[in-house]
Amino acid sequence: MLSDDEPVRGRQARHFYDIFYLLGDASPAIATLGDRSTVSEIVNDCREVSARWYGGDASNSLTCFADSSVFTRSELQDRLESAYDQACLDLCYPDAGRPSWDDVLVRVESRRDLLSLG
């Protein structure tokens, strides 16, 4: 989770581009996210790795990825949007279409049912 004064780096922001496409209708990830037992295994594994290697709290109370502060805390939005825009400029072909930050937020919210951790 990002704190209010922590800088957002391009390597972090570029993942939102990936998230947008992974949550698209044509993505094979949608079938995986629809399998709740697989999602549960993935989430538990991520929590264990986070606790072991990064000191994360394996009992994280987040119940839906769509509720993560990166998608919900307005004070982060300007920093995230700016870093996302710069990462897309650096990494995407100039003529390639790319989703806006608002497109990313709308897509995440539209897939809320698949992003539940419970």
C-alpha atoms as a PDB file:
ATOM      1  CA  MET A   1       0.000   0.000   0.000  1.00  0.00           C
ATOM      2  CA  LEU A   2       1.258   3.486  -0.788  1.00  0.00           C
ATOM      3  CA  SER A   3       1.511   6.094   1.915  1.00  0.00           C
ATOM      4  CA  ASP A   4       0.478   9.687   1.333  1.00  0.00           C
ATOM      5  CA  ASP A   5       4.073  10.882   1.007  1.00  0.00           C
ATOM      6  CA  GLU A   6       5.622   7.901  -0.778  1.00  0.00           C
ATOM      7  CA  PRO A   7       6.577   8.593  -4.401  1.00  0.00           C
ATOM      8  CA  VAL A   8       4.922   6.495  -7.091  1.00  0.00           C
ATOM      9  CA  ARG A   9       7.454   5.023  -9.476  1.00  0.00           C
ATOM     10  CA  GLY A  10       6.838   4.149 -13.102  1.00  0.00           C
ATOM     11  CA  ARG A  11       7.596   0.487 -12.516  1.00  0.00           C
ATOM     12  CA  GLN A  12       4.728   0.430 -10.016  1.00  0.00           C
ATOM     13  CA  ALA A  13       2.320   2.453 -12.139  1.00  0.00           C
ATOM     14  CA  ARG A  14       2.828   0.367 -15.290  1.00  0.00           C
ATOM     15  CA  HIS A  15       1.016  -2.550 -13.671  1.00  0.00           C
ATOM     16  CA  PHE A  16      -2.284  -0.693 -13.939  1.00  0.00           C
ATOM     17  CA  TYR A  17      -2.043  -1.040 -17.733  1.00  0.00           C
ATOM     18  CA  ASP A  18      -1.700  -4.797 -17.240  1.00  0.00           C
ATOM     19  CA  ILE A  19      -4.598  -4.870 -14.783  1.00  0.00           C
ATOM     20  CA  PHE A  20      -6.837  -3.136 -17.319  1.00  0.00           C
ATOM     21  CA  TYR A  21      -6.166  -5.763 -19.983  1.00  0.00           C
ATOM     22  CA  LEU A  22      -6.187  -8.729 -17.607  1.00  0.00           C
ATOM     23  CA  LEU A  23      -9.708  -7.729 -16.561  1.00  0.00           C
ATOM     24  CA  GLY A  24     -10.929  -7.390 -20.160  1.00  0.00           C
ATOM     25  CA  ASP A  25     -13.551  -9.667 -21.694  1.00  0.00           C
ATOM     26  CA  ALA A  26     -11.009 -11.405 -23.967  1.00  0.00           C
ATOM     27  CA  SER A  27      -8.526 -12.135 -21.178  1.00  0.00           C
ATOM     28  CA  PRO A  28      -7.961 -15.740 -20.119  1.00  0.00           C
ATOM     29  CA  ALA A  29      -7.503 -14.395 -16.587  1.00  0.00           C
ATOM     30  CA  ILE A  30     -11.270 -13.914 -16.327  1.00  0.00           C
ATOM     31  CA  ALA A  31     -11.843 -17.694 -16.259  1.00  0.00           C
ATOM     32  CA  THR A  32      -9.220 -18.102 -13.540  1.00  0.00           C
ATOM     33  CA  LEU A  33     -10.757 -15.320 -11.465  1.00  0.00           C
ATOM     34  CA  GLY A  34     -14.139 -17.012 -11.856  1.00  0.00           C
ATOM     35  CA  ASP A  35     -12.794 -20.158 -10.179  1.00  0.00           C
ATOM     36  CA  ARG A  36     -13.111 -19.091  -6.536  1.00  0.00           C
ATOM     37  CA  SER A  37     -11.098 -22.021  -5.136  1.00  0.00           C
ATOM     38  CA  THR A  38      -8.154 -21.114  -7.369  1.00  0.00           C
ATOM     39  CA  VAL A  39      -8.431 -17.451  -6.355  1.00  0.00           C
ATOM     40  CA  SER A  40      -8.422 -18.485  -2.703  1.00  0.00           C
ATOM     41  CA  GLU A  41      -5.254 -20.546  -3.222  1.00  0.00           C
ATOM     42  CA  ILE A  42      -3.538 -17.664  -5.031  1.00  0.00           C
ATOM     43  CA  VAL A  43      -4.492 -15.126  -2.354  1.00  0.00           C
ATOM     44  CA  ASN A  44      -3.316 -17.397   0.461  1.00  0.00           C
ATOM     45  CA  ASP A  45      -0.016 -18.012  -1.328  1.00  0.00           C
ATOM     46  CA  CYS A  46       0.499 -14.271  -1.878  1.00  0.00           C
ATOM     47  CA  ARG A  47      -0.181 -13.552   1.787  1.00  0.00           C
ATOM     48  CA  GLU A  48       2.271 -16.242   2.905  1.00  0.00           C
ATOM     49  CA  VAL A  49       5.019 -14.977   0.588  1.00  0.00           C
ATOM     50  CA  SER A  50       4.366 -11.398   1.682  1.00  0.00           C
ATOM     51  CA  ALA A  51       4.601 -12.351   5.346  1.00  0.00           C
ATOM     52  CA  ARG A  52       7.725 -14.446   4.854  1.00  0.00           C
ATOM     53  CA  TRP A  53       9.741 -12.152   2.599  1.00  0.00           C
ATOM     54  CA  TYR A  54       8.374  -8.657   3.060  1.00  0.00           C
ATOM     55  CA  GLY A  55       7.053  -8.602   6.615  1.00  0.00           C
ATOM     56  CA  GLY A  56       3.481  -8.270   5.391  1.00  0.00           C
ATOM     57  CA  ASP A  57       0.561  -9.152   7.605  1.00  0.00           C
ATOM     58  CA  ALA A  58      -0.768 -12.480   6.378  1.00  0.00           C
ATOM     59  CA  SER A  59      -4.124 -11.684   7.969  1.00  0.00           C
ATOM     60  CA  ASN A  60      -4.668  -8.632   5.770  1.00  0.00           C
ATOM     61  CA  SER A  61      -8.245  -7.434   6.248  1.00  0.00           C
ATOM     62  CA  LEU A  62      -8.756  -6.435   2.595  1.00  0.00           C
ATOM     63  CA  THR A  63     -11.686  -8.438   1.226  1.00  0.00           C
ATOM     64  CA  CYS A  64     -11.746  -7.132  -2.353  1.00  0.00           C
ATOM     65  CA  PHE A  65      -8.900  -5.861  -4.524  1.00  0.00           C
ATOM     66  CA  ALA A  66     -11.243  -3.180  -5.878  1.00  0.00           C
ATOM     67  CA  ASP A  67     -11.296  -1.691  -2.364  1.00  0.00           C
ATOM     68  CA  SER A  68      -7.525  -1.253  -2.280  1.00  0.00           C
ATOM     69  CA  SER A  69      -6.412   2.278  -1.450  1.00  0.00           C
ATOM     70  CA  VAL A  70      -4.849   2.654  -4.895  1.00  0.00           C
ATOM     71  CA  PHE A  71      -8.351   2.524  -6.361  1.00  0.00           C
ATOM     72  CA  THR A  72     -10.302   4.286  -3.625  1.00  0.00           C
ATOM     73  CA  ARG A  73      -8.228   6.970  -1.874  1.00  0.00           C
ATOM     74  CA  SER A  74      -8.681  10.236  -3.717  1.00  0.00           C
ATOM     75  CA  GLU A  75      -5.499  11.756  -2.261  1.00  0.00           C
ATOM     76  CA  LEU A  76      -3.486   9.143  -4.161  1.00  0.00           C
ATOM     77  CA  GLN A  77      -5.291   9.578  -7.472  1.00  0.00           C
ATOM     78  CA  ASP A  78      -3.330  12.542  -8.869  1.00  0.00           C
ATOM     79  CA  ARG A  79       0.021  10.918  -8.096  1.00  0.00           C
ATOM     80  CA  LEU A  80      -1.059   7.579  -9.493  1.00  0.00           C
ATOM     81  CA  GLU A  81      -2.580   9.051 -12.623  1.00  0.00           C
ATOM     82  CA  SER A  82       0.520  11.112 -13.340  1.00  0.00           C
ATOM     83  CA  ALA A  83       2.855   8.145 -12.833  1.00  0.00           C
ATOM     84  CA  TYR A  84       0.574   5.906 -14.910  1.00  0.00           C
ATOM     85  CA  ASP A  85       0.470   8.397 -17.784  1.00  0.00           C
ATOM     86  CA  GLN A  86       4.265   8.707 -17.756  1.00  0.00           C
ATOM     87  CA  ALA A  87       4.758   4.929 -17.629  1.00  0.00           C
ATOM     88  CA  CYS A  88       2.436   4.504 -20.626  1.00  0.00           C
ATOM     89  CA  LEU A  89       4.317   7.186 -22.547  1.00  0.00           C
ATOM     90  CA  ASP A  90       7.589   5.413 -21.782  1.00  0.00           C
ATOM     91  CA  LEU A  91       6.402   1.854 -22.468  1.00  0.00           C
ATOM     92  CA  CYS A  92       3.645   1.940 -25.090  1.00  0.00           C
ATOM     93  CA  TYR A  93       4.067   2.492 -28.793  1.00  0.00           C
ATOM     94  CA  PRO A  94       3.150   6.099 -29.599  1.00  0.00           C
ATOM     95  CA  ASP A  95       0.275   5.142 -31.910  1.00  0.00           C
ATOM     96  CA  ALA A  96      -1.039   2.355 -29.697  1.00  0.00           C
ATOM     97  CA  GLY A  97      -4.253   3.078 -27.911  1.00  0.00           C
ATOM     98  CA  ARG A  98      -4.038   2.951 -24.191  1.00  0.00           C
ATOM     99  CA  PRO A  99      -6.626   3.103 -21.473  1.00  0.00           C
ATOM    100  CA  SER A 100      -6.842   6.303 -19.461  1.00  0.00           C
ATOM    101  CA  TRP A 101      -6.502   6.209 -15.677  1.00  0.00           C
ATOM    102  CA  ASP A 102     -10.288   6.640 -15.459  1.00  0.00           C
ATOM    103  CA  ASP A 103     -10.716   3.654 -17.804  1.00  0.00           C
ATOM    104  CA  VAL A 104      -8.603   1.565 -15.424  1.00  0.00           C
ATOM    105  CA  LEU A 105     -10.713   2.607 -12.422  1.00  0.00           C
ATOM    106  CA  VAL A 106     -13.974   1.859 -14.250  1.00  0.00           C
ATOM    107  CA  ARG A 107     -12.715  -1.573 -15.380  1.00  0.00           C
ATOM    108  CA  VAL A 108     -11.619  -2.515 -11.853  1.00  0.00           C
ATOM    109  CA  GLU A 109     -14.973  -1.477 -10.426  1.00  0.00           C
ATOM    110  CA  SER A 110     -16.858  -3.367 -13.163  1.00  0.00           C
ATOM    111  CA  ARG A 111     -15.011  -6.573 -12.188  1.00  0.00           C
ATOM    112  CA  ARG A 112     -15.575  -6.132  -8.432  1.00  0.00           C
ATOM    113  CA  ASP A 113     -17.320  -9.533  -8.249  1.00  0.00           C
ATOM    114  CA  LEU A 114     -14.207 -11.292  -9.588  1.00  0.00           C
ATOM    115  CA  LEU A 115     -11.823  -9.311  -7.382  1.00  0.00           C
ATOM    116  CA  SER A 116     -13.372 -10.428  -4.112  1.00  0.00           C
ATOM    117  CA  LEU A 117     -10.973 -12.321  -1.871  1.00  0.00           C
ATOM    118  CA  GLY A 118     -13.640 -14.034   0.185  1.00  0.00           C
END
